[in-house]
Amino acid sequence: MQPKRVLVTGAGGFIGRWSVPAMIAAGYEVHGIVGRDPARAVPRQLDGAVLHRVDLMDAAAVDALSGAVEATHLLHFAWIATPGVYWNSPDNARWLAAGRHLLRAFQRNGGVRVVMAGTCAEYDWARAAVCDEATTPLADALDPAVTAYARAKLEMHAALTQFAAAHALSAAWGRIFFQFGPDEHPGRLVASVINNLLSGREAPCSHGRQVRSFLHVADVGSAFAALLDSGVVGAVNIGGAGRLRIAELVQEIGLQIGRPELVRLGARNAAPDEPPVLVPDVRRLQTDVNWRPRFGLQDGIADTIAWWRNR
């Protein structure tokens, strides 16, 4: 039997690192692409993986690595994700081109199955509520109002689908919804609220009536590993089955830290294009992939608070 060898891009990233232990446990030889800065600490979750410091924008370096590793599987996370920047960054086009090249190099060197990370921003938020992979309308990539990030992800998914069909490649696309957890960017919602409250500062939030679904990042990584190890093809929502208002989420953080009075709902304006309800239908993830999360909301929040406290 051919050994299972997976190449993980963005292996040191917020989500990518959490996919590695699950794949090692499933018997994969894991090769992870991490940042090129040798001074940057390698996450402990990457213990047991073979690490490569390669610039994915360097086509020749990607070709050389693909030829050397000869991965059977590819799990592609690497993309621009800086809060406040990534939505309309011109780097999205560069990542789209890099993803296409990586896909070709992977297949040319014997790859048989690929999973790439998408986003719930691919759905048409004007018509989305509970998002189903088969029936919920997607955004129009040609619409100038669509963000550069959503457009690039839509185009990457289309390119993956077409390439996989032409080359008999098994391919799946994980649409990520909302996540939180250790080492999240401090500018994102959960991390910012936790850090403000731990420091005794007020945490200004919007009205909090938006209904969302949140998943601990370790579960997001685990779900991607399970999707890769399955035979499931096409789009699969990666998110939690629960539904809650943002107000409930931040109030839970306040209660667990013991400073609920510092949560300031309504102190910030909600984004005008923010949908009132945006949650995933996760039946494909639960039934077809046969995956369930390890963390509930309360213990996921507790784990994240503990991480920030220890930091």
Protein backbone atom coordinates (compact mmCIF):
# COMPACT_ATOMS: atom_id res chain seq x y z
CA MET A 1 0.00 0.00 0.00
CA GLN A 2 1.28 3.46 -0.91
CA PRO A 3 2.14 5.50 2.18
CA LYS A 4 -0.08 8.51 2.87
CA ARG A 5 2.09 11.62 2.59
CA VAL A 6 0.43 15.01 3.01
CA LEU A 7 1.77 18.46 2.25
CA VAL A 8 0.17 21.12 4.46
CA THR A 9 0.53 24.78 3.49
CA GLY A 10 0.16 27.33 6.25
CA ALA A 11 1.05 24.57 8.70
CA GLY A 12 2.16 27.08 11.31
CA GLY A 13 -0.95 29.21 10.94
CA PHE A 14 -3.92 29.65 13.25
CA ILE A 15 -5.87 26.73 11.75
CA GLY A 16 -3.22 24.75 9.91
CA ARG A 17 -1.28 23.77 13.02
CA TRP A 18 -4.34 22.05 14.50
CA SER A 19 -4.76 19.77 11.49
CA VAL A 20 -1.30 18.23 11.89
CA PRO A 21 -1.74 16.12 15.07
CA ALA A 22 -4.95 14.57 13.70
CA MET A 23 -3.25 13.62 10.43
CA ILE A 24 -0.24 12.14 12.21
CA ALA A 25 -2.64 10.10 14.36
CA ALA A 26 -4.37 8.91 11.17
CA GLY A 27 -1.08 7.55 9.84
CA TYR A 28 0.03 10.33 7.51
CA GLU A 29 3.60 11.37 6.97
CA VAL A 30 3.11 15.11 7.35
CA HIS A 31 5.19 17.72 5.53
CA GLY A 32 4.36 21.24 6.62
CA ILE A 33 5.19 24.52 4.91
CA VAL A 34 5.86 27.21 7.51
CA GLY A 35 7.03 30.82 7.39
CA ARG A 36 10.48 31.53 6.07
CA ASP A 37 11.64 33.39 9.19
CA PRO A 38 13.83 30.90 11.12
CA ALA A 39 13.55 33.05 14.24
CA ARG A 40 9.80 32.51 14.46
CA ALA A 41 8.85 29.83 16.98
CA VAL A 42 7.44 26.60 15.56
CA PRO A 43 4.09 25.66 17.19
CA ARG A 44 4.22 22.59 19.40
CA GLN A 45 1.39 21.06 17.36
CA LEU A 46 3.88 20.51 14.53
CA ASP A 47 5.96 18.03 16.52
CA GLY A 48 6.38 14.94 14.37
CA ALA A 49 6.00 16.78 11.07
CA VAL A 50 8.76 17.44 8.52
CA LEU A 51 8.94 21.21 8.13
CA HIS A 52 9.85 23.20 5.01
CA ARG A 53 10.50 26.94 4.81
CA VAL A 54 9.33 27.73 1.30
CA ASP A 55 7.85 30.84 -0.28
CA LEU A 56 4.65 29.72 -2.02
CA MET A 57 4.91 32.76 -4.31
CA ASP A 58 8.18 31.33 -5.68
CA ALA A 59 7.04 28.97 -8.44
CA ALA A 60 10.46 27.34 -8.86
CA ALA A 61 10.71 26.64 -5.12
CA VAL A 62 7.20 25.13 -5.11
CA ASP A 63 8.10 22.92 -8.07
CA ALA A 64 11.27 21.74 -6.35
CA LEU A 65 9.48 20.97 -3.08
CA SER A 66 6.62 19.16 -4.82
CA GLY A 67 9.10 17.01 -6.72
CA ALA A 68 11.08 16.21 -3.57
CA VAL A 69 8.13 15.38 -1.31
CA GLU A 70 5.90 13.62 -3.86
CA ALA A 71 2.88 14.05 -1.59
CA THR A 72 -0.19 11.88 -2.13
CA HIS A 73 -2.39 14.44 -0.37
CA LEU A 74 -2.48 18.23 -0.22
CA LEU A 75 -4.12 20.38 2.46
CA HIS A 76 -3.94 24.05 1.45
CA PHE A 77 -4.55 26.72 4.09
CA ALA A 78 -1.99 29.42 3.25
CA TRP A 79 -3.62 32.72 2.29
CA ILE A 80 -3.63 36.32 3.43
CA ALA A 81 -5.74 36.57 6.62
CA THR A 82 -4.66 39.77 8.41
CA PRO A 83 -7.75 41.33 10.07
CA GLY A 84 -8.71 44.65 8.53
CA VAL A 85 -6.48 44.00 5.53
CA TYR A 86 -7.38 40.74 3.81
CA TRP A 87 -10.88 41.63 2.60
CA ASN A 88 -9.69 43.88 -0.21
CA SER A 89 -5.95 43.30 -0.36
CA PRO A 90 -4.40 42.94 -3.84
CA ASP A 91 -2.46 40.02 -2.36
CA ASN A 92 -5.59 37.90 -2.80
CA ALA A 93 -4.86 37.75 -6.53
CA ARG A 94 -1.29 36.64 -5.81
CA TRP A 95 -2.52 33.88 -3.52
CA LEU A 96 -4.99 32.76 -6.17
CA ALA A 97 -2.19 32.42 -8.72
CA ALA A 98 0.03 30.64 -6.18
CA GLY A 99 -2.77 28.20 -5.33
CA ARG A 100 -3.31 27.33 -8.97
CA HIS A 101 0.40 26.71 -9.50
CA LEU A 102 0.64 24.61 -6.33
CA LEU A 103 -2.28 22.47 -7.48
CA ARG A 104 -0.63 21.76 -10.83
CA ALA A 105 2.72 20.93 -9.22
CA PHE A 106 1.04 18.61 -6.71
CA GLN A 107 -0.83 16.66 -9.39
CA ARG A 108 2.20 16.48 -11.68
CA ASN A 109 4.16 14.77 -8.92
CA GLY A 110 1.63 12.02 -8.23
CA GLY A 111 -0.90 13.71 -5.94
CA VAL A 112 -4.27 12.00 -5.70
CA ARG A 113 -6.38 13.98 -3.19
CA VAL A 114 -6.54 17.65 -2.29
CA VAL A 115 -8.53 19.72 0.19
CA MET A 116 -8.42 23.51 0.13
CA ALA A 117 -9.73 26.04 2.62
CA GLY A 118 -12.57 28.29 1.49
CA THR A 119 -14.74 30.75 3.38
CA CYS A 120 -18.34 31.49 4.27
CA ALA A 121 -17.75 34.82 2.49
CA GLU A 122 -18.29 32.89 -0.76
CA TYR A 123 -22.02 32.78 0.01
CA ASP A 124 -24.22 35.67 -1.10
CA TRP A 125 -24.75 37.34 2.27
CA ALA A 126 -27.76 39.26 0.97
CA ARG A 127 -29.57 35.94 0.47
CA ALA A 128 -27.82 33.73 3.03
CA ALA A 129 -29.02 32.67 6.47
CA VAL A 130 -28.56 28.94 7.10
CA CYS A 131 -26.02 28.13 4.39
CA ASP A 132 -26.36 24.84 2.55
CA GLU A 133 -23.56 23.78 0.20
CA ALA A 134 -25.95 22.65 -2.54
CA THR A 135 -28.67 25.29 -2.58
CA THR A 136 -27.56 28.55 -0.93
CA PRO A 137 -26.61 31.10 -3.62
CA LEU A 138 -22.96 32.05 -3.93
CA ALA A 139 -21.73 35.57 -4.45
CA ASP A 140 -21.14 36.70 -8.03
CA ALA A 141 -17.38 36.91 -8.57
CA LEU A 142 -17.99 39.48 -11.32
CA ASP A 143 -19.92 41.81 -9.01
CA PRO A 144 -17.66 44.79 -8.19
CA ALA A 145 -19.22 44.94 -4.71
CA VAL A 146 -17.81 41.50 -3.84
CA THR A 147 -14.61 41.71 -1.79
CA ALA A 148 -11.29 40.75 -3.33
CA TYR A 149 -11.00 37.97 -0.75
CA ALA A 150 -14.36 36.39 -1.57
CA ARG A 151 -13.74 36.77 -5.31
CA ALA A 152 -10.35 35.06 -5.14
CA LYS A 153 -11.74 32.19 -3.07
CA LEU A 154 -14.66 31.72 -5.48
CA GLU A 155 -12.22 31.63 -8.39
CA MET A 156 -9.89 29.21 -6.57
CA HIS A 157 -12.78 26.84 -5.89
CA ALA A 158 -13.84 26.99 -9.55
CA ALA A 159 -10.26 26.33 -10.66
CA LEU A 160 -9.96 23.38 -8.27
CA THR A 161 -13.24 21.88 -9.46
CA GLN A 162 -12.29 22.17 -13.13
CA PHE A 163 -8.74 20.90 -12.64
CA ALA A 164 -9.86 17.94 -10.53
CA ALA A 165 -12.41 16.90 -13.15
CA ALA A 166 -9.84 17.13 -15.95
CA HIS A 167 -7.19 15.13 -14.09
CA ALA A 168 -9.26 12.58 -12.15
CA LEU A 169 -8.18 14.18 -8.89
CA SER A 170 -10.20 13.70 -5.70
CA ALA A 171 -10.92 17.19 -4.36
CA ALA A 172 -12.89 18.83 -1.55
CA TRP A 173 -13.34 22.44 -0.46
CA GLY A 174 -13.89 23.33 3.19
CA ARG A 175 -15.89 26.53 3.68
CA ILE A 176 -14.83 27.93 7.05
CA PHE A 177 -17.35 29.84 9.16
CA PHE A 178 -16.42 31.47 12.49
CA GLN A 179 -13.68 30.19 14.79
CA PHE A 180 -11.79 31.21 17.90
CA GLY A 181 -9.10 29.77 20.12
CA PRO A 182 -5.50 29.98 21.34
CA ASP A 183 -3.13 32.25 19.42
CA GLU A 184 -5.91 33.99 17.52
CA HIS A 185 -5.00 37.43 16.17
CA PRO A 186 -5.64 39.86 19.08
CA GLY A 187 -7.68 42.11 16.80
CA ARG A 188 -10.39 39.50 16.24
CA LEU A 189 -13.60 39.41 18.29
CA VAL A 190 -13.07 36.69 20.90
CA ALA A 191 -9.39 37.47 21.47
CA SER A 192 -10.00 41.21 21.78
CA VAL A 193 -12.84 40.77 24.28
CA ILE A 194 -10.81 38.32 26.39
CA ASN A 195 -7.73 40.55 26.46
CA ASN A 196 -9.71 43.65 27.33
CA LEU A 197 -11.50 41.94 30.21
CA LEU A 198 -8.36 40.25 31.54
CA SER A 199 -6.73 43.69 31.61
CA GLY A 200 -9.71 45.27 33.36
CA ARG A 201 -10.68 47.33 30.32
CA GLU A 202 -14.10 47.74 28.75
CA ALA A 203 -14.81 45.57 25.70
CA PRO A 204 -16.80 47.65 23.19
CA CYS A 205 -19.01 45.50 20.93
CA SER A 206 -21.82 46.00 18.45
CA HIS A 207 -25.45 45.40 19.41
CA GLY A 208 -24.74 41.66 19.34
CA ARG A 209 -28.00 40.54 17.78
CA GLN A 210 -26.24 38.85 14.85
CA VAL A 211 -26.74 35.08 14.89
CA ARG A 212 -23.59 33.08 14.23
CA SER A 213 -21.99 29.66 14.73
CA PHE A 214 -18.57 29.40 16.37
CA LEU A 215 -16.09 26.52 16.50
CA HIS A 216 -12.90 26.14 18.53
CA VAL A 217 -9.89 26.28 16.20
CA ALA A 218 -8.65 22.84 17.30
CA ASP A 219 -11.95 21.43 16.04
CA VAL A 220 -11.63 23.36 12.77
CA GLY A 221 -8.21 21.79 12.17
CA SER A 222 -9.53 18.36 13.16
CA ALA A 223 -12.47 18.73 10.76
CA PHE A 224 -10.13 19.50 7.88
CA ALA A 225 -8.00 16.48 8.71
CA ALA A 226 -11.10 14.29 8.73
CA LEU A 227 -12.27 15.77 5.42
CA LEU A 228 -8.89 15.08 3.84
CA ASP A 229 -8.93 11.49 5.10
CA SER A 230 -12.42 10.89 3.74
CA GLY A 231 -13.51 10.33 0.17
CA VAL A 232 -15.94 13.25 0.28
CA VAL A 233 -15.70 15.62 -2.69
CA GLY A 234 -17.05 19.10 -3.34
CA ALA A 235 -17.85 21.88 -0.89
CA VAL A 236 -18.27 21.08 2.81
CA ASN A 237 -19.16 23.67 5.45
CA ILE A 238 -16.69 23.73 8.35
CA GLY A 239 -18.44 25.20 11.36
CA GLY A 240 -20.42 24.50 14.49
CA ALA A 241 -23.95 23.15 14.69
CA GLY A 242 -24.94 25.59 17.44
CA ARG A 243 -26.56 28.97 16.83
CA LEU A 244 -26.12 31.92 19.16
CA ARG A 245 -26.20 35.68 19.17
CA ILE A 246 -22.89 37.53 19.34
CA ALA A 247 -24.20 39.05 22.59
CA GLU A 248 -24.44 35.57 24.11
CA LEU A 249 -20.86 34.81 23.09
CA VAL A 250 -19.30 37.92 24.59
CA GLN A 251 -21.47 37.70 27.71
CA GLU A 252 -20.23 34.13 28.24
CA ILE A 253 -16.67 35.45 28.09
CA GLY A 254 -17.56 38.13 30.61
CA LEU A 255 -19.11 35.61 32.99
CA GLN A 256 -16.18 33.20 32.80
CA ILE A 257 -13.64 35.96 33.44
CA GLY A 258 -15.83 37.44 36.16
CA ARG A 259 -16.13 40.89 34.59
CA PRO A 260 -19.49 40.89 32.76
CA GLU A 261 -19.99 44.58 33.56
CA LEU A 262 -17.10 45.47 31.22
CA VAL A 263 -18.84 44.08 28.13
CA ARG A 264 -20.30 47.11 26.31
CA LEU A 265 -22.94 45.98 23.83
CA GLY A 266 -23.93 48.69 21.37
CA ALA A 267 -20.72 50.67 21.85
CA ARG A 268 -19.72 50.02 18.25
CA ASN A 269 -21.71 50.18 15.05
CA ALA A 270 -22.36 46.92 13.25
CA ALA A 271 -21.12 46.74 9.67
CA PRO A 272 -23.97 47.82 7.34
CA ASP A 273 -23.61 44.75 5.11
CA GLU A 274 -23.44 42.29 8.00
CA PRO A 275 -26.20 39.67 7.66
CA PRO A 276 -28.46 39.16 10.69
CA VAL A 277 -28.12 35.37 10.40
CA LEU A 278 -25.09 33.57 8.95
CA VAL A 279 -24.67 29.96 10.05
CA PRO A 280 -23.68 26.71 8.32
CA ASP A 281 -25.74 23.65 7.61
CA VAL A 282 -23.22 21.04 8.79
CA ARG A 283 -25.03 17.85 7.78
CA ARG A 284 -22.37 16.98 5.18
CA LEU A 285 -19.62 17.43 7.77
CA GLN A 286 -21.45 15.35 10.36
CA THR A 287 -22.93 12.63 8.13
CA ASP A 288 -20.70 12.29 5.08
CA VAL A 289 -17.37 13.09 6.75
CA ASN A 290 -18.57 11.52 10.04
CA TRP A 291 -17.00 14.22 12.19
CA ARG A 292 -18.01 15.74 15.54
CA PRO A 293 -16.35 18.54 17.56
CA ARG A 294 -14.48 17.96 20.80
CA PHE A 295 -15.21 21.37 22.32
CA GLY A 296 -18.55 22.83 23.29
CA LEU A 297 -18.88 26.60 23.45
CA GLN A 298 -18.35 26.93 27.21
CA ASP A 299 -15.31 24.66 27.43
CA GLY A 300 -13.91 26.15 24.22
CA ILE A 301 -14.14 29.64 25.72
CA ALA A 302 -12.60 28.37 28.98
CA ASP A 303 -9.68 26.83 27.08
CA THR A 304 -9.10 30.06 25.17
CA ILE A 305 -9.25 32.23 28.29
CA ALA A 306 -6.76 29.92 30.02
CA TRP A 307 -4.37 30.20 27.07
CA TRP A 308 -4.46 34.02 27.14
CA ARG A 309 -4.04 34.05 30.91
CA ASN A 310 -0.96 31.84 30.71
CA ARG A 311 0.45 33.94 27.91
